[in-house]
Amino acid sequence: MKTSEILKHVDHTLLKPVATWEDIQKICDESIEFNTASICIPACYISRINEKYGDKVNICTVVGFPLGYSTTEAKVLEAKQAIENGANEIDMVVNISDVKNGDYDKVTAEIKALKEAVGDKILKVIIETCYLTEEEKIAMCKSVTDAGADYIKTSTGFGTGGATIEDIKLFKKHIGPNVKIKAAGGVKTVEDLEMFINEGCERIGTSSAINLIKGKEAQGY
């Protein structure tokens, strides 16, 4: 697979709590140079990125991140503010406690509220697969589909595990036709990137893709 084909699926990611403006600019410059699908960065940098780079970069940010247990109202406010500041894509974390309690209607309602808040912008739903049973993962496929979200995403990269091919195959069986898949966390080789893309992932969240393409070792998310 050509490098350019791989990178157009990558959300070039930097979500470390110690990320500096210098670090963020490096991510932006790399995204422009290598034509990645987006940059995925902390919300506190959206306005500054938008002011400097404008539409040269596609800005993605995270909501309710990384633990997911913020109130729905707080997540909606986060999402609206991110969009107002210049983000085009929102990666939200579901309330994992609600999932574990089997309160799937509540989870679906929250995702729907976030989708209404972002409107025609892209909403990706992080279900944090490392904490879920197969039954819960299947239920989340239904919730994401029923709520009208654009993507189901495996992981935050801050949990106990990341994306697996088994989970991608499970998603493909149970999501609706309008839902795409994003793999994130644990993508550490060029072979991993190609494997997830070939399995049907439209996006891959990683901080390592460009280093990998350059022949360097994976670092971080």
N, C-alpha and C. Protein backbone atom coordinates (compact mmCIF):
# COMPACT_ATOMS: atom_id res chain seq x y z
N MET A 1 0.84 -1.19 0.00
CA MET A 1 0.00 0.00 0.00
C MET A 1 0.88 1.25 0.00
N LYS A 2 0.54 2.24 -0.84
CA LYS A 2 1.32 3.45 -0.92
C LYS A 2 1.22 4.25 0.38
N THR A 3 2.33 4.94 0.70
CA THR A 3 2.37 5.78 1.90
C THR A 3 1.23 6.79 1.90
N SER A 4 0.99 7.41 0.77
CA SER A 4 -0.06 8.43 0.69
C SER A 4 -1.44 7.84 0.97
N GLU A 5 -1.66 6.60 0.55
CA GLU A 5 -2.94 5.92 0.79
C GLU A 5 -3.12 5.64 2.28
N ILE A 6 -2.06 5.23 2.93
CA ILE A 6 -2.12 4.97 4.38
C ILE A 6 -2.43 6.25 5.14
N LEU A 7 -1.68 7.31 4.85
CA LEU A 7 -1.75 8.53 5.65
C LEU A 7 -3.07 9.26 5.50
N LYS A 8 -3.77 9.07 4.39
CA LYS A 8 -5.06 9.75 4.25
C LYS A 8 -6.13 9.15 5.16
N HIS A 9 -5.81 8.02 5.79
CA HIS A 9 -6.71 7.40 6.77
C HIS A 9 -6.33 7.75 8.22
N VAL A 10 -5.24 8.47 8.40
CA VAL A 10 -4.68 8.67 9.75
C VAL A 10 -5.17 9.97 10.38
N ASP A 11 -5.69 9.87 11.61
CA ASP A 11 -5.90 11.03 12.47
C ASP A 11 -4.60 11.20 13.26
N HIS A 12 -3.77 12.15 12.83
CA HIS A 12 -2.44 12.35 13.43
C HIS A 12 -2.63 12.94 14.82
N THR A 13 -2.27 12.18 15.83
CA THR A 13 -2.78 12.41 17.19
C THR A 13 -1.70 12.85 18.18
N LEU A 14 -2.06 13.85 18.99
CA LEU A 14 -1.24 14.23 20.14
C LEU A 14 -2.18 14.65 21.25
N LEU A 15 -2.35 13.76 22.23
CA LEU A 15 -3.27 14.01 23.33
C LEU A 15 -2.60 13.91 24.70
N LYS A 16 -1.29 13.95 24.72
CA LYS A 16 -0.57 13.92 25.99
C LYS A 16 -0.90 15.16 26.82
N PRO A 17 -1.05 15.01 28.13
CA PRO A 17 -1.39 16.16 28.96
C PRO A 17 -0.28 17.22 29.02
N VAL A 18 0.93 16.84 28.64
CA VAL A 18 2.05 17.79 28.68
C VAL A 18 2.37 18.36 27.29
N ALA A 19 1.47 18.19 26.34
CA ALA A 19 1.71 18.69 24.98
C ALA A 19 1.87 20.20 24.99
N THR A 20 2.97 20.69 24.42
CA THR A 20 3.24 22.12 24.34
C THR A 20 2.80 22.66 22.98
N TRP A 21 2.77 23.99 22.87
CA TRP A 21 2.43 24.61 21.60
C TRP A 21 3.44 24.23 20.52
N GLU A 22 4.69 24.10 20.90
CA GLU A 22 5.71 23.65 19.96
C GLU A 22 5.38 22.24 19.44
N ASP A 23 4.98 21.36 20.35
CA ASP A 23 4.59 20.00 19.96
C ASP A 23 3.40 20.03 19.00
N ILE A 24 2.42 20.85 19.33
CA ILE A 24 1.21 20.94 18.52
C ILE A 24 1.52 21.46 17.11
N GLN A 25 2.37 22.47 17.02
CA GLN A 25 2.75 23.00 15.71
C GLN A 25 3.44 21.94 14.86
N LYS A 26 4.25 21.10 15.50
CA LYS A 26 4.93 20.02 14.78
C LYS A 26 3.90 19.06 14.17
N ILE A 27 2.87 18.72 14.96
CA ILE A 27 1.80 17.84 14.49
C ILE A 27 1.08 18.49 13.29
N CYS A 28 0.79 19.77 13.41
CA CYS A 28 0.11 20.48 12.32
C CYS A 28 0.95 20.50 11.06
N ASP A 29 2.22 20.84 11.21
CA ASP A 29 3.12 20.92 10.04
C ASP A 29 3.25 19.56 9.37
N GLU A 30 3.33 18.51 10.17
CA GLU A 30 3.43 17.16 9.61
C GLU A 30 2.15 16.77 8.89
N SER A 31 1.02 17.15 9.44
CA SER A 31 -0.26 16.84 8.80
C SER A 31 -0.37 17.50 7.44
N ILE A 32 0.09 18.74 7.36
CA ILE A 32 0.07 19.45 6.08
C ILE A 32 1.03 18.80 5.09
N GLU A 33 2.23 18.48 5.57
CA GLU A 33 3.24 17.90 4.69
C GLU A 33 2.84 16.54 4.15
N PHE A 34 2.24 15.72 5.03
CA PHE A 34 1.95 14.33 4.66
C PHE A 34 0.49 14.08 4.33
N ASN A 35 -0.34 15.14 4.42
CA ASN A 35 -1.75 15.06 4.02
C ASN A 35 -2.51 13.99 4.80
N THR A 36 -2.42 14.05 6.13
CA THR A 36 -3.19 13.13 6.97
C THR A 36 -4.66 13.55 6.98
N ALA A 37 -5.52 12.63 7.39
CA ALA A 37 -6.96 12.91 7.40
C ALA A 37 -7.29 14.07 8.34
N SER A 38 -6.61 14.11 9.49
CA SER A 38 -6.85 15.17 10.46
C SER A 38 -5.69 15.22 11.44
N ILE A 39 -5.73 16.23 12.30
CA ILE A 39 -4.95 16.21 13.53
C ILE A 39 -5.94 16.02 14.66
N CYS A 40 -5.59 15.22 15.65
CA CYS A 40 -6.46 15.03 16.83
C CYS A 40 -5.71 15.55 18.03
N ILE A 41 -6.21 16.66 18.59
CA ILE A 41 -5.45 17.41 19.59
C ILE A 41 -6.36 17.86 20.75
N PRO A 42 -5.77 18.29 21.87
CA PRO A 42 -6.57 18.78 22.99
C PRO A 42 -7.37 20.02 22.60
N ALA A 43 -8.55 20.13 23.16
CA ALA A 43 -9.46 21.22 22.80
C ALA A 43 -8.89 22.60 23.11
N CYS A 44 -8.01 22.69 24.09
CA CYS A 44 -7.46 23.98 24.49
C CYS A 44 -6.61 24.63 23.40
N TYR A 45 -6.22 23.85 22.38
CA TYR A 45 -5.39 24.38 21.30
C TYR A 45 -6.17 24.69 20.03
N ILE A 46 -7.46 24.41 20.00
CA ILE A 46 -8.21 24.55 18.74
C ILE A 46 -8.15 25.97 18.20
N SER A 47 -8.47 26.96 19.02
CA SER A 47 -8.51 28.34 18.54
C SER A 47 -7.16 28.78 18.02
N ARG A 48 -6.12 28.43 18.75
CA ARG A 48 -4.76 28.84 18.36
C ARG A 48 -4.35 28.21 17.03
N ILE A 49 -4.70 26.94 16.86
CA ILE A 49 -4.42 26.26 15.60
C ILE A 49 -5.20 26.91 14.47
N ASN A 50 -6.46 27.18 14.71
CA ASN A 50 -7.32 27.77 13.69
C ASN A 50 -6.80 29.13 13.25
N GLU A 51 -6.31 29.91 14.21
CA GLU A 51 -5.78 31.24 13.91
C GLU A 51 -4.52 31.15 13.05
N LYS A 52 -3.66 30.19 13.34
CA LYS A 52 -2.40 30.09 12.61
C LYS A 52 -2.52 29.35 11.29
N TYR A 53 -3.29 28.26 11.28
CA TYR A 53 -3.30 27.38 10.11
C TYR A 53 -4.57 27.46 9.28
N GLY A 54 -5.65 27.98 9.85
CA GLY A 54 -6.90 28.06 9.12
C GLY A 54 -7.35 26.70 8.62
N ASP A 55 -7.73 26.65 7.34
CA ASP A 55 -8.24 25.39 6.79
C ASP A 55 -7.14 24.51 6.20
N LYS A 56 -5.89 24.81 6.52
CA LYS A 56 -4.78 23.96 6.05
C LYS A 56 -4.76 22.63 6.79
N VAL A 57 -5.33 22.60 8.00
CA VAL A 57 -5.42 21.35 8.75
C VAL A 57 -6.87 21.08 9.11
N ASN A 58 -7.23 19.81 9.15
CA ASN A 58 -8.56 19.39 9.58
C ASN A 58 -8.48 19.06 11.06
N ILE A 59 -9.16 19.83 11.89
CA ILE A 59 -9.02 19.71 13.33
C ILE A 59 -10.04 18.75 13.92
N CYS A 60 -9.54 17.76 14.63
CA CYS A 60 -10.35 16.83 15.41
C CYS A 60 -9.97 17.01 16.87
N THR A 61 -10.93 16.92 17.77
CA THR A 61 -10.63 16.98 19.20
C THR A 61 -11.48 15.96 19.94
N VAL A 62 -11.24 15.86 21.24
CA VAL A 62 -11.90 14.85 22.06
C VAL A 62 -12.82 15.49 23.09
N VAL A 63 -13.87 14.76 23.44
CA VAL A 63 -14.88 15.23 24.39
C VAL A 63 -15.14 14.14 25.42
N GLY A 64 -15.24 14.54 26.69
CA GLY A 64 -15.45 13.56 27.76
C GLY A 64 -14.26 12.63 27.89
N PHE A 65 -13.11 13.14 27.56
CA PHE A 65 -11.91 12.31 27.40
C PHE A 65 -11.04 12.36 28.65
N PRO A 66 -10.41 11.25 29.07
CA PRO A 66 -10.49 9.91 28.47
C PRO A 66 -11.44 8.94 29.19
N LEU A 67 -12.09 9.38 30.26
CA LEU A 67 -12.82 8.43 31.11
C LEU A 67 -14.31 8.35 30.81
N GLY A 68 -14.87 9.37 30.18
CA GLY A 68 -16.24 9.28 29.69
C GLY A 68 -17.34 9.56 30.67
N TYR A 69 -17.01 9.80 31.93
CA TYR A 69 -18.10 9.91 32.92
C TYR A 69 -18.53 11.34 33.23
N SER A 70 -18.18 12.30 32.37
CA SER A 70 -18.76 13.64 32.46
C SER A 70 -20.26 13.54 32.19
N THR A 71 -21.02 14.53 32.65
CA THR A 71 -22.44 14.54 32.35
C THR A 71 -22.66 14.81 30.86
N THR A 72 -23.82 14.41 30.39
CA THR A 72 -24.15 14.67 28.99
C THR A 72 -24.13 16.16 28.70
N GLU A 73 -24.65 16.96 29.62
CA GLU A 73 -24.68 18.41 29.43
C GLU A 73 -23.27 18.98 29.26
N ALA A 74 -22.34 18.47 30.05
CA ALA A 74 -20.96 18.95 29.95
C ALA A 74 -20.34 18.55 28.60
N LYS A 75 -20.62 17.33 28.16
CA LYS A 75 -20.09 16.87 26.87
C LYS A 75 -20.67 17.69 25.71
N VAL A 76 -21.95 17.98 25.79
CA VAL A 76 -22.59 18.78 24.74
C VAL A 76 -21.94 20.17 24.68
N LEU A 77 -21.71 20.77 25.84
CA LEU A 77 -21.08 22.09 25.88
C LEU A 77 -19.67 22.03 25.33
N GLU A 78 -18.91 21.01 25.71
CA GLU A 78 -17.56 20.82 25.17
C GLU A 78 -17.59 20.74 23.65
N ALA A 79 -18.51 19.94 23.13
CA ALA A 79 -18.59 19.72 21.69
C ALA A 79 -18.96 21.01 20.96
N LYS A 80 -19.95 21.72 21.46
CA LYS A 80 -20.38 22.96 20.82
C LYS A 80 -19.26 23.99 20.79
N GLN A 81 -18.56 24.12 21.91
CA GLN A 81 -17.47 25.09 21.98
C GLN A 81 -16.33 24.71 21.04
N ALA A 82 -16.03 23.41 20.96
CA ALA A 82 -14.98 22.95 20.06
C ALA A 82 -15.31 23.28 18.61
N ILE A 83 -16.56 23.07 18.22
CA ILE A 83 -16.99 23.37 16.86
C ILE A 83 -16.92 24.88 16.61
N GLU A 84 -17.37 25.67 17.57
CA GLU A 84 -17.32 27.13 17.43
C GLU A 84 -15.88 27.62 17.27
N ASN A 85 -14.94 26.95 17.93
CA ASN A 85 -13.54 27.37 17.89
C ASN A 85 -12.80 26.89 16.64
N GLY A 86 -13.44 25.99 15.88
CA GLY A 86 -12.83 25.59 14.62
C GLY A 86 -12.63 24.11 14.39
N ALA A 87 -13.10 23.26 15.30
CA ALA A 87 -12.98 21.81 15.09
C ALA A 87 -14.02 21.34 14.07
N ASN A 88 -13.64 20.35 13.28
CA ASN A 88 -14.55 19.74 12.32
C ASN A 88 -14.99 18.34 12.71
N GLU A 89 -14.27 17.74 13.66
CA GLU A 89 -14.55 16.37 14.07
C GLU A 89 -14.44 16.26 15.58
N ILE A 90 -15.37 15.52 16.17
CA ILE A 90 -15.41 15.31 17.61
C ILE A 90 -15.34 13.82 17.91
N ASP A 91 -14.38 13.42 18.74
CA ASP A 91 -14.28 12.05 19.22
C ASP A 91 -14.72 12.03 20.68
N MET A 92 -15.92 11.53 20.93
CA MET A 92 -16.47 11.51 22.28
C MET A 92 -16.28 10.15 22.94
N VAL A 93 -16.14 10.15 24.26
CA VAL A 93 -16.08 8.90 25.01
C VAL A 93 -17.44 8.65 25.64
N VAL A 94 -17.97 7.45 25.45
CA VAL A 94 -19.25 7.11 26.08
C VAL A 94 -19.09 7.03 27.59
N ASN A 95 -20.20 7.08 28.29
CA ASN A 95 -20.18 6.85 29.73
C ASN A 95 -20.05 5.34 29.95
N ILE A 96 -18.85 4.91 30.22
CA ILE A 96 -18.56 3.48 30.33
C ILE A 96 -19.31 2.86 31.52
N SER A 97 -19.52 3.64 32.56
CA SER A 97 -20.30 3.15 33.70
C SER A 97 -21.72 2.81 33.28
N ASP A 98 -22.32 3.66 32.44
CA ASP A 98 -23.66 3.37 31.94
C ASP A 98 -23.65 2.08 31.12
N VAL A 99 -22.61 1.89 30.32
CA VAL A 99 -22.52 0.65 29.53
C VAL A 99 -22.44 -0.56 30.46
N LYS A 100 -21.59 -0.48 31.46
CA LYS A 100 -21.42 -1.61 32.38
C LYS A 100 -22.70 -1.87 33.18
N ASN A 101 -23.50 -0.83 33.39
CA ASN A 101 -24.78 -1.00 34.09
C ASN A 101 -25.89 -1.49 33.16
N GLY A 102 -25.56 -1.63 31.87
CA GLY A 102 -26.57 -2.08 30.91
C GLY A 102 -27.59 -1.03 30.55
N ASP A 103 -27.27 0.24 30.84
CA ASP A 103 -28.23 1.32 30.57
C ASP A 103 -28.00 1.85 29.15
N TYR A 104 -28.28 1.00 28.18
CA TYR A 104 -27.95 1.32 26.79
C TYR A 104 -28.82 2.43 26.22
N ASP A 105 -30.05 2.55 26.68
CA ASP A 105 -30.91 3.64 26.20
C ASP A 105 -30.31 4.99 26.57
N LYS A 106 -29.75 5.07 27.77
CA LYS A 106 -29.13 6.32 28.22
C LYS A 106 -27.88 6.64 27.38
N VAL A 107 -27.11 5.61 27.09
CA VAL A 107 -25.91 5.79 26.26
C VAL A 107 -26.31 6.28 24.87
N THR A 108 -27.33 5.65 24.30
CA THR A 108 -27.81 6.05 22.97
C THR A 108 -28.30 7.49 22.97
N ALA A 109 -29.03 7.87 24.02
CA ALA A 109 -29.55 9.24 24.11
C ALA A 109 -28.40 10.25 24.19
N GLU A 110 -27.35 9.90 24.92
CA GLU A 110 -26.22 10.81 25.02
C GLU A 110 -25.52 10.99 23.67
N ILE A 111 -25.29 9.89 22.99
CA ILE A 111 -24.64 9.98 21.67
C ILE A 111 -25.51 10.82 20.72
N LYS A 112 -26.81 10.60 20.77
CA LYS A 112 -27.72 11.37 19.92
C LYS A 112 -27.64 12.85 20.24
N ALA A 113 -27.55 13.19 21.53
CA ALA A 113 -27.45 14.59 21.93
C ALA A 113 -26.16 15.22 21.41
N LEU A 114 -25.09 14.47 21.43
CA LEU A 114 -23.81 14.98 20.89
C LEU A 114 -23.89 15.15 19.38
N LYS A 115 -24.52 14.22 18.70
CA LYS A 115 -24.66 14.35 17.24
C LYS A 115 -25.50 15.56 16.88
N GLU A 116 -26.54 15.80 17.63
CA GLU A 116 -27.36 17.00 17.40
C GLU A 116 -26.53 18.27 17.63
N ALA A 117 -25.64 18.21 18.62
CA ALA A 117 -24.82 19.37 18.95
C ALA A 117 -23.80 19.68 17.87
N VAL A 118 -23.25 18.66 17.22
CA VAL A 118 -22.22 18.90 16.21
C VAL A 118 -22.80 19.06 14.81
N GLY A 119 -24.04 18.69 14.63
CA GLY A 119 -24.70 18.89 13.35
C GLY A 119 -24.03 18.14 12.21
N ASP A 120 -23.62 18.87 11.18
CA ASP A 120 -23.05 18.21 10.01
C ASP A 120 -21.56 17.91 10.17
N LYS A 121 -20.98 18.24 11.31
CA LYS A 121 -19.60 17.86 11.59
C LYS A 121 -19.56 16.37 11.98
N ILE A 122 -18.38 15.79 11.94
CA ILE A 122 -18.23 14.35 12.18
C ILE A 122 -18.18 14.04 13.67
N LEU A 123 -18.96 13.04 14.07
CA LEU A 123 -18.93 12.54 15.44
C LEU A 123 -18.44 11.10 15.46
N LYS A 124 -17.36 10.87 16.18
CA LYS A 124 -16.84 9.52 16.39
C LYS A 124 -17.07 9.15 17.85
N VAL A 125 -17.49 7.91 18.08
CA VAL A 125 -17.87 7.47 19.42
C VAL A 125 -16.88 6.43 19.92
N ILE A 126 -16.15 6.80 20.95
CA ILE A 126 -15.16 5.89 21.55
C ILE A 126 -15.85 5.03 22.59
N ILE A 127 -15.84 3.72 22.38
CA ILE A 127 -16.53 2.83 23.32
C ILE A 127 -15.58 2.15 24.30
N GLU A 128 -14.28 2.33 24.12
CA GLU A 128 -13.24 1.77 25.00
C GLU A 128 -13.41 0.25 25.17
N THR A 129 -13.13 -0.44 24.08
CA THR A 129 -13.37 -1.88 23.99
C THR A 129 -12.65 -2.71 25.06
N CYS A 130 -11.52 -2.22 25.55
CA CYS A 130 -10.74 -3.00 26.52
C CYS A 130 -11.50 -3.27 27.81
N TYR A 131 -12.53 -2.47 28.08
CA TYR A 131 -13.32 -2.65 29.30
C TYR A 131 -14.63 -3.40 29.09
N LEU A 132 -14.92 -3.78 27.85
CA LEU A 132 -16.25 -4.30 27.54
C LEU A 132 -16.24 -5.79 27.18
N THR A 133 -17.35 -6.44 27.48
CA THR A 133 -17.57 -7.81 27.03
C THR A 133 -18.03 -7.78 25.57
N GLU A 134 -18.05 -8.93 24.94
CA GLU A 134 -18.54 -8.99 23.56
C GLU A 134 -19.99 -8.52 23.48
N GLU A 135 -20.80 -8.93 24.44
CA GLU A 135 -22.20 -8.50 24.45
C GLU A 135 -22.32 -6.99 24.54
N GLU A 136 -21.48 -6.38 25.37
CA GLU A 136 -21.51 -4.92 25.51
C GLU A 136 -21.01 -4.23 24.25
N LYS A 137 -20.02 -4.79 23.60
CA LYS A 137 -19.53 -4.22 22.34
C LYS A 137 -20.63 -4.25 21.27
N ILE A 138 -21.34 -5.35 21.20
CA ILE A 138 -22.43 -5.47 20.24
C ILE A 138 -23.53 -4.44 20.54
N ALA A 139 -23.83 -4.29 21.82
CA ALA A 139 -24.84 -3.31 22.23
C ALA A 139 -24.40 -1.90 21.85
N MET A 140 -23.10 -1.62 21.95
CA MET A 140 -22.58 -0.30 21.57
C MET A 140 -22.65 -0.07 20.06
N CYS A 141 -22.47 -1.12 19.29
CA CYS A 141 -22.65 -1.00 17.85
C CYS A 141 -24.07 -0.53 17.54
N LYS A 142 -25.04 -1.09 18.25
CA LYS A 142 -26.44 -0.71 18.05
C LYS A 142 -26.68 0.73 18.51
N SER A 143 -26.12 1.10 19.67
CA SER A 143 -26.31 2.46 20.18
C SER A 143 -25.73 3.50 19.24
N VAL A 144 -24.53 3.25 18.77
CA VAL A 144 -23.88 4.20 17.86
C VAL A 144 -24.69 4.33 16.57
N THR A 145 -25.17 3.22 16.07
CA THR A 145 -25.98 3.22 14.84
C THR A 145 -27.31 3.95 15.06
N ASP A 146 -28.01 3.58 16.12
CA ASP A 146 -29.33 4.17 16.38
C ASP A 146 -29.25 5.67 16.66
N ALA A 147 -28.13 6.12 17.24
CA ALA A 147 -27.99 7.53 17.58
C ALA A 147 -27.57 8.39 16.40
N GLY A 148 -27.20 7.76 15.29
CA GLY A 148 -26.86 8.52 14.09
C GLY A 148 -25.44 9.05 14.05
N ALA A 149 -24.54 8.47 14.87
CA ALA A 149 -23.14 8.90 14.84
C ALA A 149 -22.47 8.45 13.55
N ASP A 150 -21.34 9.08 13.26
CA ASP A 150 -20.66 8.81 12.00
C ASP A 150 -19.66 7.66 12.09
N TYR A 151 -19.06 7.49 13.25
CA TYR A 151 -18.03 6.46 13.45
C TYR A 151 -18.19 5.79 14.80
N ILE A 152 -17.78 4.53 14.86
CA ILE A 152 -17.52 3.86 16.12
C ILE A 152 -16.00 3.71 16.21
N LYS A 153 -15.46 4.03 17.38
CA LYS A 153 -14.01 4.04 17.58
C LYS A 153 -13.67 3.11 18.74
N THR A 154 -12.59 2.37 18.58
CA THR A 154 -12.28 1.33 19.55
C THR A 154 -11.86 1.86 20.92
N SER A 155 -10.97 2.86 20.94
CA SER A 155 -10.22 3.11 22.17
C SER A 155 -9.78 4.56 22.31
N THR A 156 -9.48 4.93 23.55
CA THR A 156 -8.89 6.25 23.82
C THR A 156 -7.37 6.22 23.67
N GLY A 157 -6.78 5.04 23.84
CA GLY A 157 -5.33 4.95 23.92
C GLY A 157 -4.83 5.15 25.34
N PHE A 158 -5.75 5.46 26.27
CA PHE A 158 -5.39 5.66 27.67
C PHE A 158 -5.92 4.55 28.56
N GLY A 159 -6.59 3.56 27.97
CA GLY A 159 -7.14 2.44 28.73
C GLY A 159 -6.12 1.32 28.85
N THR A 160 -6.61 0.14 29.13
CA THR A 160 -5.73 -1.02 29.35
C THR A 160 -5.40 -1.76 28.06
N GLY A 161 -5.98 -1.33 26.95
CA GLY A 161 -5.71 -1.98 25.66
C GLY A 161 -6.22 -1.13 24.53
N GLY A 162 -5.77 -1.46 23.32
CA GLY A 162 -6.17 -0.69 22.15
C GLY A 162 -6.93 -1.53 21.15
N ALA A 163 -6.85 -1.11 19.89
CA ALA A 163 -7.60 -1.76 18.82
C ALA A 163 -7.10 -3.18 18.55
N THR A 164 -8.04 -4.06 18.24
CA THR A 164 -7.71 -5.41 17.80
C THR A 164 -8.50 -5.72 16.53
N ILE A 165 -7.95 -6.58 15.73
CA ILE A 165 -8.65 -6.99 14.50
C ILE A 165 -9.95 -7.71 14.84
N GLU A 166 -9.96 -8.45 15.93
CA GLU A 166 -11.18 -9.17 16.34
C GLU A 166 -12.32 -8.19 16.60
N ASP A 167 -12.00 -7.06 17.24
CA ASP A 167 -13.05 -6.07 17.50
C ASP A 167 -13.52 -5.40 16.22
N ILE A 168 -12.60 -5.16 15.29
CA ILE A 168 -13.00 -4.56 14.01
C ILE A 168 -13.95 -5.50 13.26
N LYS A 169 -13.64 -6.77 13.26
CA LYS A 169 -14.51 -7.75 12.60
C LYS A 169 -15.88 -7.80 13.28
N LEU A 170 -15.89 -7.70 14.60
CA LEU A 170 -17.15 -7.69 15.34
C LEU A 170 -17.97 -6.45 14.98
N PHE A 171 -17.33 -5.31 14.94
CA PHE A 171 -18.02 -4.07 14.55
C PHE A 171 -18.68 -4.23 13.19
N LYS A 172 -17.94 -4.76 12.24
CA LYS A 172 -18.44 -4.86 10.86
C LYS A 172 -19.72 -5.69 10.79
N LYS A 173 -19.85 -6.64 11.68
CA LYS A 173 -21.04 -7.49 11.69
C LYS A 173 -22.26 -6.77 12.27
N HIS A 174 -22.03 -5.77 13.13
CA HIS A 174 -23.14 -5.27 13.94
C HIS A 174 -23.44 -3.78 13.78
N ILE A 175 -22.58 -3.01 13.12
CA ILE A 175 -22.91 -1.60 12.91
C ILE A 175 -23.82 -1.45 11.69
N GLY A 176 -24.51 -0.31 11.64
CA GLY A 176 -25.35 -0.02 10.50
C GLY A 176 -24.53 0.42 9.30
N PRO A 177 -25.17 0.50 8.13
CA PRO A 177 -24.45 0.81 6.89
C PRO A 177 -23.87 2.21 6.83
N ASN A 178 -24.35 3.12 7.67
CA ASN A 178 -23.87 4.50 7.63
C ASN A 178 -22.78 4.79 8.66
N VAL A 179 -22.39 3.77 9.41
CA VAL A 179 -21.37 3.95 10.45
C VAL A 179 -20.01 3.44 9.96
N LYS A 180 -19.01 4.28 10.10
CA LYS A 180 -17.65 3.89 9.74
C LYS A 180 -16.87 3.50 10.99
N ILE A 181 -15.67 2.98 10.80
CA ILE A 181 -14.88 2.44 11.91
C ILE A 181 -13.55 3.18 12.04
N LYS A 182 -13.21 3.52 13.27
CA LYS A 182 -11.89 4.07 13.58
C LYS A 182 -11.20 3.16 14.60
N ALA A 183 -10.00 2.71 14.24
CA ALA A 183 -9.16 1.94 15.16
C ALA A 183 -8.19 2.90 15.83
N ALA A 184 -7.96 2.72 17.12
CA ALA A 184 -7.04 3.60 17.83
C ALA A 184 -6.39 2.85 18.99
N GLY A 185 -5.17 3.24 19.27
CA GLY A 185 -4.44 2.63 20.38
C GLY A 185 -3.73 1.36 19.95
N GLY A 186 -2.44 1.31 20.17
CA GLY A 186 -1.69 0.08 19.92
C GLY A 186 -1.31 -0.18 18.48
N VAL A 187 -1.43 0.82 17.62
CA VAL A 187 -1.02 0.65 16.22
C VAL A 187 0.46 1.02 16.15
N LYS A 188 1.31 0.03 16.04
CA LYS A 188 2.74 0.23 16.28
C LYS A 188 3.65 -0.06 15.10
N THR A 189 3.11 -0.56 14.00
CA THR A 189 3.93 -0.87 12.83
C THR A 189 3.20 -0.46 11.56
N VAL A 190 3.95 -0.35 10.47
CA VAL A 190 3.33 -0.08 9.17
C VAL A 190 2.38 -1.22 8.81
N GLU A 191 2.78 -2.43 9.18
CA GLU A 191 1.93 -3.60 8.92
C GLU A 191 0.60 -3.48 9.65
N ASP A 192 0.64 -2.95 10.89
CA ASP A 192 -0.60 -2.71 11.64
C ASP A 192 -1.49 -1.74 10.89
N LEU A 193 -0.90 -0.65 10.43
CA LEU A 193 -1.67 0.36 9.69
C LEU A 193 -2.37 -0.26 8.49
N GLU A 194 -1.61 -1.00 7.70
CA GLU A 194 -2.17 -1.63 6.50
C GLU A 194 -3.23 -2.66 6.86
N MET A 195 -2.99 -3.41 7.93
CA MET A 195 -3.92 -4.45 8.35
C MET A 195 -5.29 -3.85 8.71
N PHE A 196 -5.28 -2.78 9.50
CA PHE A 196 -6.54 -2.18 9.91
C PHE A 196 -7.27 -1.52 8.75
N ILE A 197 -6.52 -0.89 7.86
CA ILE A 197 -7.15 -0.29 6.68
C ILE A 197 -7.76 -1.36 5.79
N ASN A 198 -7.01 -2.41 5.56
CA ASN A 198 -7.51 -3.51 4.72
C ASN A 198 -8.72 -4.21 5.33
N GLU A 199 -8.82 -4.17 6.65
CA GLU A 199 -9.95 -4.80 7.33
C GLU A 199 -11.19 -3.91 7.30
N GLY A 200 -11.02 -2.67 6.83
CA GLY A 200 -12.19 -1.81 6.66
C GLY A 200 -12.24 -0.57 7.51
N CYS A 201 -11.17 -0.26 8.23
CA CYS A 201 -11.15 0.96 9.04
C CYS A 201 -10.94 2.18 8.15
N GLU A 202 -11.86 3.09 8.21
CA GLU A 202 -11.74 4.33 7.44
C GLU A 202 -10.72 5.27 8.07
N ARG A 203 -10.62 5.22 9.39
CA ARG A 203 -9.65 6.06 10.10
C ARG A 203 -8.85 5.22 11.09
N ILE A 204 -7.61 5.70 11.34
CA ILE A 204 -6.76 5.13 12.38
C ILE A 204 -6.21 6.28 13.21
N GLY A 205 -6.41 6.20 14.51
CA GLY A 205 -5.88 7.21 15.41
C GLY A 205 -4.55 6.76 15.97
N THR A 206 -3.50 7.53 15.68
CA THR A 206 -2.18 7.16 16.16
C THR A 206 -1.26 8.37 16.13
N SER A 207 -0.32 8.39 17.05
CA SER A 207 0.72 9.42 17.04
C SER A 207 1.96 8.93 16.31
N SER A 208 1.94 7.69 15.85
CA SER A 208 3.15 7.04 15.35
C SER A 208 3.25 6.92 13.84
N ALA A 209 2.18 7.18 13.10
CA ALA A 209 2.16 6.85 11.67
C ALA A 209 3.30 7.49 10.89
N ILE A 210 3.53 8.76 11.10
CA ILE A 210 4.56 9.44 10.31
C ILE A 210 5.94 8.93 10.66
N ASN A 211 6.20 8.71 11.96
CA ASN A 211 7.47 8.09 12.34
C ASN A 211 7.64 6.73 11.70
N LEU A 212 6.58 5.96 11.68
CA LEU A 212 6.65 4.62 11.10
C LEU A 212 6.95 4.69 9.60
N ILE A 213 6.29 5.61 8.93
CA ILE A 213 6.51 5.78 7.49
C ILE A 213 7.96 6.17 7.21
N LYS A 214 8.55 6.92 8.15
CA LYS A 214 9.94 7.35 8.00
C LYS A 214 10.94 6.27 8.43
N GLY A 215 10.41 5.12 8.89
CA GLY A 215 11.28 4.04 9.32
C GLY A 215 11.73 4.12 10.75
N LYS A 216 11.08 5.00 11.53
CA LYS A 216 11.42 5.15 12.95
C LYS A 216 10.51 4.28 13.79
N GLU A 217 10.82 4.17 15.07
CA GLU A 217 10.01 3.37 15.98
C GLU A 217 8.76 4.14 16.41
N ALA A 218 7.71 3.36 16.72
CA ALA A 218 6.48 3.97 17.24
C ALA A 218 6.72 4.50 18.64
N GLN A 219 6.09 5.64 18.92
CA GLN A 219 6.17 6.21 20.26
C GLN A 219 4.79 6.71 20.66
N GLY A 220 4.41 6.43 21.92
CA GLY A 220 3.17 6.97 22.45
C GLY A 220 1.94 6.24 21.95
N TYR A 221 0.88 6.98 21.72
CA TYR A 221 -0.48 6.52 21.42
C TYR A 221 -0.52 5.65 20.19
